[in-house]
All heavy atoms as atom14 arrays in JSON, in Angstrom:
{
  "sequence": "LDPDFDPEVTYEEASRYVLDAIQVMGPEYSKIMEEGIHNRWVD",
  "atom14_mask": [
    [1, 1, 1, 1, 1, 1, 1, 1, 0, 0, 0, 0, 0, 0],
    [1, 1, 1, 1, 1, 1, 1, 1, 0, 0, 0, 0, 0, 0],
    [1, 1, 1, 1, 1, 1, 1, 0, 0, 0, 0, 0, 0, 0],
    [1, 1, 1, 1, 1, 1, 1, 1, 0, 0, 0, 0, 0, 0],
    [1, 1, 1, 1, 1, 1, 1, 1, 1, 1, 1, 0, 0, 0],
    [1, 1, 1, 1, 1, 1, 1, 1, 0, 0, 0, 0, 0, 0],
    [1, 1, 1, 1, 1, 1, 1, 0, 0, 0, 0, 0, 0, 0],
    [1, 1, 1, 1, 1, 1, 1, 1, 1, 0, 0, 0, 0, 0],
    [1, 1, 1, 1, 1, 1, 1, 0, 0, 0, 0, 0, 0, 0],
    [1, 1, 1, 1, 1, 1, 1, 0, 0, 0, 0, 0, 0, 0],
    [1, 1, 1, 1, 1, 1, 1, 1, 1, 1, 1, 1, 0, 0],
    [1, 1, 1, 1, 1, 1, 1, 1, 1, 0, 0, 0, 0, 0],
    [1, 1, 1, 1, 1, 1, 1, 1, 1, 0, 0, 0, 0, 0],
    [1, 1, 1, 1, 1, 0, 0, 0, 0, 0, 0, 0, 0, 0],
    [1, 1, 1, 1, 1, 1, 0, 0, 0, 0, 0, 0, 0, 0],
    [1, 1, 1, 1, 1, 1, 1, 1, 1, 1, 1, 0, 0, 0],
    [1, 1, 1, 1, 1, 1, 1, 1, 1, 1, 1, 1, 0, 0],
    [1, 1, 1, 1, 1, 1, 1, 0, 0, 0, 0, 0, 0, 0],
    [1, 1, 1, 1, 1, 1, 1, 1, 0, 0, 0, 0, 0, 0],
    [1, 1, 1, 1, 1, 1, 1, 1, 0, 0, 0, 0, 0, 0],
    [1, 1, 1, 1, 1, 0, 0, 0, 0, 0, 0, 0, 0, 0],
    [1, 1, 1, 1, 1, 1, 1, 1, 0, 0, 0, 0, 0, 0],
    [1, 1, 1, 1, 1, 1, 1, 1, 1, 0, 0, 0, 0, 0],
    [1, 1, 1, 1, 1, 1, 1, 0, 0, 0, 0, 0, 0, 0],
    [1, 1, 1, 1, 1, 1, 1, 1, 0, 0, 0, 0, 0, 0],
    [1, 1, 1, 1, 0, 0, 0, 0, 0, 0, 0, 0, 0, 0],
    [1, 1, 1, 1, 1, 1, 1, 0, 0, 0, 0, 0, 0, 0],
    [1, 1, 1, 1, 1, 1, 1, 1, 1, 0, 0, 0, 0, 0],
    [1, 1, 1, 1, 1, 1, 1, 1, 1, 1, 1, 1, 0, 0],
    [1, 1, 1, 1, 1, 1, 0, 0, 0, 0, 0, 0, 0, 0],
    [1, 1, 1, 1, 1, 1, 1, 1, 1, 0, 0, 0, 0, 0],
    [1, 1, 1, 1, 1, 1, 1, 1, 0, 0, 0, 0, 0, 0],
    [1, 1, 1, 1, 1, 1, 1, 1, 0, 0, 0, 0, 0, 0],
    [1, 1, 1, 1, 1, 1, 1, 1, 1, 0, 0, 0, 0, 0],
    [1, 1, 1, 1, 1, 1, 1, 1, 1, 0, 0, 0, 0, 0],
    [1, 1, 1, 1, 0, 0, 0, 0, 0, 0, 0, 0, 0, 0],
    [1, 1, 1, 1, 1, 1, 1, 1, 0, 0, 0, 0, 0, 0],
    [1, 1, 1, 1, 1, 1, 1, 1, 1, 1, 0, 0, 0, 0],
    [1, 1, 1, 1, 1, 1, 1, 1, 0, 0, 0, 0, 0, 0],
    [1, 1, 1, 1, 1, 1, 1, 1, 1, 1, 1, 0, 0, 0],
    [1, 1, 1, 1, 1, 1, 1, 1, 1, 1, 1, 1, 1, 1],
    [1, 1, 1, 1, 1, 1, 1, 0, 0, 0, 0, 0, 0, 0],
    [1, 1, 1, 1, 1, 1, 1, 1, 0, 0, 0, 0, 0, 0]
  ],
  "atom14_positions": [
    [[3.11, 18.68, 51.23], [3.82, 19.15, 52.41], [4.76, 20.33, 52.1], [5.12, 21.13, 52.93], [4.59, 18.02, 53.05], [4.2, 17.6, 54.44], [5.05, 16.44, 54.93], [4.29, 18.74, 55.42], [0.0, 0.0, 0.0], [0.0, 0.0, 0.0], [0.0, 0.0, 0.0], [0.0, 0.0, 0.0], [0.0, 0.0, 0.0], [0.0, 0.0, 0.0]],
    [[5.2, 20.36, 50.82], [6.11, 21.39, 50.42], [5.57, 22.09, 49.21], [6.13, 21.97, 48.04], [7.47, 20.71, 50.1], [8.62, 21.73, 50.12], [8.36, 22.87, 50.38], [9.77, 21.32, 49.92], [0.0, 0.0, 0.0], [0.0, 0.0, 0.0], [0.0, 0.0, 0.0], [0.0, 0.0, 0.0], [0.0, 0.0, 0.0], [0.0, 0.0, 0.0]],
    [[4.45, 22.82, 49.34], [3.76, 23.37, 48.16], [4.55, 24.32, 47.38], [4.25, 24.54, 46.16], [2.54, 23.99, 48.76], [2.84, 24.26, 50.2], [3.79, 23.16, 50.61], [0.0, 0.0, 0.0], [0.0, 0.0, 0.0], [0.0, 0.0, 0.0], [0.0, 0.0, 0.0], [0.0, 0.0, 0.0], [0.0, 0.0, 0.0], [0.0, 0.0, 0.0]],
    [[5.52, 24.96, 47.99], [6.32, 25.96, 47.22], [7.34, 25.35, 46.36], [7.97, 26.03, 45.56], [7.04, 26.91, 48.19], [6.06, 27.69, 49.08], [5.0, 28.01, 48.51], [6.38, 28.0, 50.21], [0.0, 0.0, 0.0], [0.0, 0.0, 0.0], [0.0, 0.0, 0.0], [0.0, 0.0, 0.0], [0.0, 0.0, 0.0], [0.0, 0.0, 0.0]],
    [[7.51, 23.99, 46.49], [8.47, 23.34, 45.59], [7.73, 22.17, 44.9], [7.67, 21.07, 45.46], [9.67, 22.79, 46.43], [10.83, 22.23, 45.55], [11.63, 23.06, 44.9], [10.92, 20.87, 45.45], [12.66, 22.6, 44.08], [11.98, 20.33, 44.62], [12.77, 21.18, 43.95], [0.0, 0.0, 0.0], [0.0, 0.0, 0.0], [0.0, 0.0, 0.0]],
    [[7.18, 22.41, 43.74], [6.5, 21.38, 43.01], [6.7, 21.6, 41.53], [5.74, 21.99, 40.81], [5.02, 21.37, 43.41], [4.25, 20.17, 42.82], [5.0, 19.17, 42.48], [3.07, 20.26, 42.63], [0.0, 0.0, 0.0], [0.0, 0.0, 0.0], [0.0, 0.0, 0.0], [0.0, 0.0, 0.0], [0.0, 0.0, 0.0], [0.0, 0.0, 0.0]],
    [[7.89, 21.52, 41.02], [8.19, 21.79, 39.66], [7.41, 20.83, 38.71], [7.2, 19.67, 39.03], [9.68, 21.51, 39.52], [10.03, 20.67, 40.68], [9.13, 21.01, 41.76], [0.0, 0.0, 0.0], [0.0, 0.0, 0.0], [0.0, 0.0, 0.0], [0.0, 0.0, 0.0], [0.0, 0.0, 0.0], [0.0, 0.0, 0.0], [0.0, 0.0, 0.0]],
    [[6.99, 21.4, 37.59], [6.31, 20.58, 36.61], [7.3, 19.62, 35.95], [8.5, 19.94, 35.79], [5.62, 21.46, 35.63], [4.37, 22.21, 36.15], [3.51, 22.68, 35.01], [3.91, 22.72, 33.85], [2.34, 23.03, 35.32], [0.0, 0.0, 0.0], [0.0, 0.0, 0.0], [0.0, 0.0, 0.0], [0.0, 0.0, 0.0], [0.0, 0.0, 0.0]],
    [[6.77, 18.53, 35.61], [7.63, 17.46, 34.89], [6.93, 17.12, 33.64], [5.8, 16.57, 33.63], [7.81, 16.23, 35.83], [8.72, 15.22, 35.14], [8.38, 16.56, 37.16], [0.0, 0.0, 0.0], [0.0, 0.0, 0.0], [0.0, 0.0, 0.0], [0.0, 0.0, 0.0], [0.0, 0.0, 0.0], [0.0, 0.0, 0.0], [0.0, 0.0, 0.0]],
    [[7.52, 17.37, 32.51], [6.9, 16.99, 31.27], [7.03, 15.48, 31.03], [7.83, 14.75, 31.74], [7.65, 17.69, 30.1], [8.96, 17.23, 29.92], [7.64, 19.22, 30.23], [0.0, 0.0, 0.0], [0.0, 0.0, 0.0], [0.0, 0.0, 0.0], [0.0, 0.0, 0.0], [0.0, 0.0, 0.0], [0.0, 0.0, 0.0], [0.0, 0.0, 0.0]],
    [[6.3, 14.92, 30.08], [6.43, 13.53, 29.77], [7.81, 13.12, 29.32], [8.33, 12.09, 29.68], [5.4, 13.14, 28.69], [5.4, 11.67, 28.34], [4.99, 10.75, 29.29], [5.84, 11.26, 27.09], [4.94, 9.39, 28.99], [5.82, 9.92, 26.75], [5.39, 8.99, 27.68], [5.36, 7.65, 27.37], [0.0, 0.0, 0.0], [0.0, 0.0, 0.0]],
    [[8.42, 14.0, 28.58], [9.82, 13.79, 28.06], [10.76, 13.71, 29.24], [11.66, 12.89, 29.32], [10.22, 14.82, 27.08], [9.44, 14.79, 25.75], [7.97, 15.22, 25.86], [7.68, 15.97, 26.79], [7.2, 14.76, 25.02], [0.0, 0.0, 0.0], [0.0, 0.0, 0.0], [0.0, 0.0, 0.0], [0.0, 0.0, 0.0], [0.0, 0.0, 0.0]],
    [[10.66, 14.69, 30.21], [11.54, 14.69, 31.36], [11.37, 13.49, 32.21], [12.26, 12.8, 32.73], [11.29, 15.92, 32.17], [11.81, 17.23, 31.51], [11.29, 18.5, 32.21], [10.2, 18.41, 32.84], [11.9, 19.52, 31.99], [0.0, 0.0, 0.0], [0.0, 0.0, 0.0], [0.0, 0.0, 0.0], [0.0, 0.0, 0.0], [0.0, 0.0, 0.0]],
    [[10.07, 13.13, 32.44], [9.67, 11.92, 33.25], [10.3, 10.66, 32.57], [10.75, 9.78, 33.29], [8.2, 11.82, 33.34], [0.0, 0.0, 0.0], [0.0, 0.0, 0.0], [0.0, 0.0, 0.0], [0.0, 0.0, 0.0], [0.0, 0.0, 0.0], [0.0, 0.0, 0.0], [0.0, 0.0, 0.0], [0.0, 0.0, 0.0], [0.0, 0.0, 0.0]],
    [[10.26, 10.58, 31.28], [10.76, 9.46, 30.54], [12.25, 9.24, 30.81], [12.72, 8.16, 31.04], [10.46, 9.59, 29.09], [9.11, 9.65, 28.81], [0.0, 0.0, 0.0], [0.0, 0.0, 0.0], [0.0, 0.0, 0.0], [0.0, 0.0, 0.0], [0.0, 0.0, 0.0], [0.0, 0.0, 0.0], [0.0, 0.0, 0.0], [0.0, 0.0, 0.0]],
    [[12.99, 10.36, 30.8], [14.37, 10.37, 31.07], [14.69, 9.85, 32.47], [15.59, 9.11, 32.78], [15.05, 11.68, 30.82], [15.17, 12.01, 29.35], [16.15, 13.17, 29.1], [15.73, 14.44, 29.68], [14.88, 15.26, 29.07], [14.42, 15.01, 27.84], [14.56, 16.39, 29.66], [0.0, 0.0, 0.0], [0.0, 0.0, 0.0], [0.0, 0.0, 0.0]],
    [[13.89, 10.35, 33.43], [14.08, 9.89, 34.83], [13.9, 8.39, 34.94], [14.74, 7.7, 35.52], [12.98, 10.57, 35.72], [13.28, 11.91, 36.28], [12.4, 12.94, 36.18], [14.46, 12.16, 36.99], [12.61, 14.23, 36.64], [14.72, 13.38, 37.48], [13.8, 14.45, 37.33], [14.08, 15.68, 37.86], [0.0, 0.0, 0.0], [0.0, 0.0, 0.0]],
    [[12.8, 7.83, 34.29], [12.54, 6.46, 34.39], [13.65, 5.61, 33.73], [14.17, 4.6, 34.31], [11.23, 6.12, 33.83], [10.94, 4.59, 33.8], [10.01, 6.82, 34.59], [0.0, 0.0, 0.0], [0.0, 0.0, 0.0], [0.0, 0.0, 0.0], [0.0, 0.0, 0.0], [0.0, 0.0, 0.0], [0.0, 0.0, 0.0], [0.0, 0.0, 0.0]],
    [[13.99, 6.03, 32.51], [15.06, 5.26, 31.76], [16.36, 5.26, 32.49], [17.05, 4.21, 32.46], [15.2, 5.82, 30.37], [13.95, 5.56, 29.41], [14.18, 6.27, 28.1], [13.68, 4.1, 29.21], [0.0, 0.0, 0.0], [0.0, 0.0, 0.0], [0.0, 0.0, 0.0], [0.0, 0.0, 0.0], [0.0, 0.0, 0.0], [0.0, 0.0, 0.0]],
    [[16.7, 6.39, 33.11], [18.01, 6.43, 33.83], [17.89, 5.47, 35.12], [18.81, 4.82, 35.44], [18.36, 7.85, 34.27], [18.73, 8.74, 33.12], [19.08, 8.13, 32.07], [18.73, 9.93, 33.27], [0.0, 0.0, 0.0], [0.0, 0.0, 0.0], [0.0, 0.0, 0.0], [0.0, 0.0, 0.0], [0.0, 0.0, 0.0], [0.0, 0.0, 0.0]],
    [[16.75, 5.49, 35.75], [16.58, 4.74, 36.99], [16.66, 3.27, 36.78], [17.19, 2.56, 37.69], [15.24, 5.12, 37.63], [0.0, 0.0, 0.0], [0.0, 0.0, 0.0], [0.0, 0.0, 0.0], [0.0, 0.0, 0.0], [0.0, 0.0, 0.0], [0.0, 0.0, 0.0], [0.0, 0.0, 0.0], [0.0, 0.0, 0.0], [0.0, 0.0, 0.0]],
    [[16.19, 2.78, 35.64], [16.06, 1.29, 35.46], [17.34, 0.73, 34.77], [17.33, -0.44, 34.37], [14.78, 0.88, 34.74], [14.57, 1.66, 33.39], [13.57, 1.18, 35.61], [15.24, 1.05, 32.24], [0.0, 0.0, 0.0], [0.0, 0.0, 0.0], [0.0, 0.0, 0.0], [0.0, 0.0, 0.0], [0.0, 0.0, 0.0], [0.0, 0.0, 0.0]],
    [[18.36, 1.56, 34.5], [19.54, 1.06, 33.83], [20.19, -0.14, 34.62], [20.76, -1.02, 34.01], [20.59, 2.19, 33.71], [20.24, 3.21, 32.67], [20.18, 2.69, 31.29], [21.06, 1.9, 30.81], [19.1, 2.96, 30.57], [0.0, 0.0, 0.0], [0.0, 0.0, 0.0], [0.0, 0.0, 0.0], [0.0, 0.0, 0.0], [0.0, 0.0, 0.0]],
    [[20.02, -0.1, 35.91], [20.57, -1.12, 36.78], [20.03, -2.53, 36.42], [20.65, -3.54, 36.65], [20.36, -0.84, 38.26], [18.84, -0.96, 38.58], [21.08, -1.8, 39.17], [0.0, 0.0, 0.0], [0.0, 0.0, 0.0], [0.0, 0.0, 0.0], [0.0, 0.0, 0.0], [0.0, 0.0, 0.0], [0.0, 0.0, 0.0], [0.0, 0.0, 0.0]],
    [[18.85, -2.56, 35.76], [18.22, -3.83, 35.44], [18.76, -4.48, 34.18], [18.41, -5.58, 33.8], [16.72, -3.62, 35.23], [16.02, -3.09, 36.48], [16.09, -4.23, 37.85], [14.6, -5.2, 37.48], [0.0, 0.0, 0.0], [0.0, 0.0, 0.0], [0.0, 0.0, 0.0], [0.0, 0.0, 0.0], [0.0, 0.0, 0.0], [0.0, 0.0, 0.0]],
    [[19.63, -3.74, 33.42], [20.32, -4.31, 32.29], [19.68, -3.99, 30.96], [18.59, -3.43, 30.89], [0.0, 0.0, 0.0], [0.0, 0.0, 0.0], [0.0, 0.0, 0.0], [0.0, 0.0, 0.0], [0.0, 0.0, 0.0], [0.0, 0.0, 0.0], [0.0, 0.0, 0.0], [0.0, 0.0, 0.0], [0.0, 0.0, 0.0], [0.0, 0.0, 0.0]],
    [[20.4, -4.36, 29.88], [19.98, -3.88, 28.54], [18.61, -4.46, 28.04], [17.84, -3.75, 27.4], [21.15, -4.39, 27.64], [21.76, -5.49, 28.39], [21.65, -5.13, 29.85], [0.0, 0.0, 0.0], [0.0, 0.0, 0.0], [0.0, 0.0, 0.0], [0.0, 0.0, 0.0], [0.0, 0.0, 0.0], [0.0, 0.0, 0.0], [0.0, 0.0, 0.0]],
    [[18.32, -5.71, 28.32], [17.08, -6.33, 27.82], [15.86, -5.59, 28.44], [14.91, -5.22, 27.73], [16.99, -7.79, 28.13], [15.74, -8.47, 27.63], [15.64, -9.94, 27.92], [16.37, -10.41, 28.83], [14.82, -10.66, 27.26], [0.0, 0.0, 0.0], [0.0, 0.0, 0.0], [0.0, 0.0, 0.0], [0.0, 0.0, 0.0], [0.0, 0.0, 0.0]],
    [[15.88, -5.41, 29.71], [14.8, -4.62, 30.44], [14.76, -3.21, 29.98], [13.63, -2.69, 29.71], [15.02, -4.79, 31.93], [13.86, -4.38, 32.75], [12.81, -5.18, 33.03], [13.8, -3.03, 33.27], [11.7, -4.85, 33.81], [12.7, -2.62, 34.07], [11.67, -3.51, 34.35], [10.59, -3.11, 35.1], [0.0, 0.0, 0.0], [0.0, 0.0, 0.0]],
    [[15.89, -2.58, 29.91], [15.93, -1.16, 29.47], [15.33, -0.89, 28.09], [14.64, 0.07, 27.84], [17.4, -0.64, 29.51], [17.84, -0.67, 30.81], [0.0, 0.0, 0.0], [0.0, 0.0, 0.0], [0.0, 0.0, 0.0], [0.0, 0.0, 0.0], [0.0, 0.0, 0.0], [0.0, 0.0, 0.0], [0.0, 0.0, 0.0], [0.0, 0.0, 0.0]],
    [[15.62, -1.87, 27.23], [15.12, -1.75, 25.85], [13.59, -1.86, 25.8], [12.97, -1.12, 24.99], [15.73, -2.82, 24.93], [15.43, -2.65, 23.41], [16.26, -3.61, 22.61], [16.14, -3.24, 21.18], [14.77, -3.31, 20.64], [0.0, 0.0, 0.0], [0.0, 0.0, 0.0], [0.0, 0.0, 0.0], [0.0, 0.0, 0.0], [0.0, 0.0, 0.0]],
    [[13.07, -2.66, 26.6], [11.52, -2.74, 26.74], [10.99, -1.43, 27.15], [10.03, -0.91, 26.58], [11.11, -3.88, 27.72], [11.57, -5.18, 27.13], [9.6, -3.86, 27.93], [11.46, -6.37, 28.22], [0.0, 0.0, 0.0], [0.0, 0.0, 0.0], [0.0, 0.0, 0.0], [0.0, 0.0, 0.0], [0.0, 0.0, 0.0], [0.0, 0.0, 0.0]],
    [[11.59, -0.8, 28.16], [11.2, 0.51, 28.7], [11.2, 1.53, 27.54], [10.3, 2.38, 27.4], [11.98, 0.94, 29.89], [11.95, 0.02, 31.06], [10.4, -0.19, 31.91], [9.87, -1.77, 31.28], [0.0, 0.0, 0.0], [0.0, 0.0, 0.0], [0.0, 0.0, 0.0], [0.0, 0.0, 0.0], [0.0, 0.0, 0.0], [0.0, 0.0, 0.0]],
    [[12.27, 1.56, 26.82], [12.51, 2.53, 25.75], [11.39, 2.36, 24.65], [10.85, 3.35, 24.19], [13.89, 2.36, 25.12], [15.01, 2.84, 26.02], [16.37, 2.47, 25.45], [16.44, 1.94, 24.29], [17.4, 2.62, 26.16], [0.0, 0.0, 0.0], [0.0, 0.0, 0.0], [0.0, 0.0, 0.0], [0.0, 0.0, 0.0], [0.0, 0.0, 0.0]],
    [[11.15, 1.15, 24.3], [10.14, 0.84, 23.28], [8.77, 1.33, 23.81], [7.91, 2.01, 23.04], [10.0, -0.66, 23.01], [11.23, -1.17, 22.25], [11.08, -2.66, 21.99], [10.05, -3.26, 22.31], [12.08, -3.22, 21.5], [0.0, 0.0, 0.0], [0.0, 0.0, 0.0], [0.0, 0.0, 0.0], [0.0, 0.0, 0.0], [0.0, 0.0, 0.0]],
    [[8.46, 1.15, 25.08], [7.21, 1.53, 25.66], [7.0, 3.05, 25.61], [5.91, 3.59, 25.31], [0.0, 0.0, 0.0], [0.0, 0.0, 0.0], [0.0, 0.0, 0.0], [0.0, 0.0, 0.0], [0.0, 0.0, 0.0], [0.0, 0.0, 0.0], [0.0, 0.0, 0.0], [0.0, 0.0, 0.0], [0.0, 0.0, 0.0], [0.0, 0.0, 0.0]],
    [[8.11, 3.78, 25.91], [8.02, 5.19, 25.91], [7.96, 5.84, 24.54], [7.23, 6.8, 24.35], [9.16, 5.78, 26.73], [9.0, 5.5, 28.26], [9.44, 7.26, 26.49], [10.18, 5.74, 29.11], [0.0, 0.0, 0.0], [0.0, 0.0, 0.0], [0.0, 0.0, 0.0], [0.0, 0.0, 0.0], [0.0, 0.0, 0.0], [0.0, 0.0, 0.0]],
    [[8.77, 5.31, 23.69], [8.88, 5.93, 22.37], [7.95, 5.46, 21.26], [7.85, 6.09, 20.17], [10.37, 5.82, 21.85], [11.34, 6.51, 22.81], [11.22, 7.83, 23.17], [12.46, 6.04, 23.39], [12.24, 8.07, 23.96], [13.0, 7.04, 24.08], [0.0, 0.0, 0.0], [0.0, 0.0, 0.0], [0.0, 0.0, 0.0], [0.0, 0.0, 0.0]],
    [[7.32, 4.28, 21.47], [6.51, 3.67, 20.41], [5.0, 3.66, 20.63], [4.33, 2.8, 20.22], [6.96, 2.25, 20.11], [8.34, 2.19, 19.59], [8.96, 3.19, 19.2], [8.96, 0.98, 19.59], [0.0, 0.0, 0.0], [0.0, 0.0, 0.0], [0.0, 0.0, 0.0], [0.0, 0.0, 0.0], [0.0, 0.0, 0.0], [0.0, 0.0, 0.0]],
    [[4.59, 4.66, 21.47], [3.16, 4.96, 21.63], [2.45, 3.72, 22.28], [1.43, 3.33, 21.92], [2.44, 5.33, 20.39], [2.7, 6.75, 19.91], [1.96, 7.15, 18.65], [0.56, 6.98, 18.77], [-0.27, 6.74, 17.79], [0.22, 6.64, 16.52], [-1.56, 6.59, 17.96], [0.0, 0.0, 0.0], [0.0, 0.0, 0.0], [0.0, 0.0, 0.0]],
    [[3.11, 3.22, 23.33], [2.43, 2.21, 24.16], [1.51, 2.89, 25.17], [0.65, 2.31, 25.83], [3.43, 1.37, 24.92], [4.26, 0.41, 24.13], [4.38, 0.4, 22.77], [5.11, -0.6, 24.64], [5.29, -0.53, 22.39], [5.79, -1.19, 23.5], [5.45, -1.05, 25.93], [6.66, -2.24, 23.66], [6.33, -2.12, 26.06], [6.93, -2.74, 24.94]],
    [[1.73, 4.19, 25.43], [1.08, 4.92, 26.54], [0.09, 5.96, 25.99], [0.35, 6.74, 25.08], [2.14, 5.73, 27.36], [1.52, 6.35, 28.53], [3.33, 4.83, 27.7], [0.0, 0.0, 0.0], [0.0, 0.0, 0.0], [0.0, 0.0, 0.0], [0.0, 0.0, 0.0], [0.0, 0.0, 0.0], [0.0, 0.0, 0.0], [0.0, 0.0, 0.0]],
    [[-1.12, 5.91, 26.58], [-2.19, 6.86, 26.28], [-2.17, 7.87, 27.43], [-2.51, 7.64, 28.51], [-3.52, 6.13, 26.15], [-4.56, 7.08, 25.45], [-5.12, 7.98, 26.16], [-4.73, 6.88, 24.25], [0.0, 0.0, 0.0], [0.0, 0.0, 0.0], [0.0, 0.0, 0.0], [0.0, 0.0, 0.0], [0.0, 0.0, 0.0], [0.0, 0.0, 0.0]]
  ]
}
């Protein structure tokens, strides 16, 4: 709907978005997310 505004998001930028967003869930949950992003859980 807004084709003139579609900035690219790198995997690293996306990872920061996600990790910041889930901080409300607490340290145990956040640590799992960090491991998934940084330890090659994702193809």
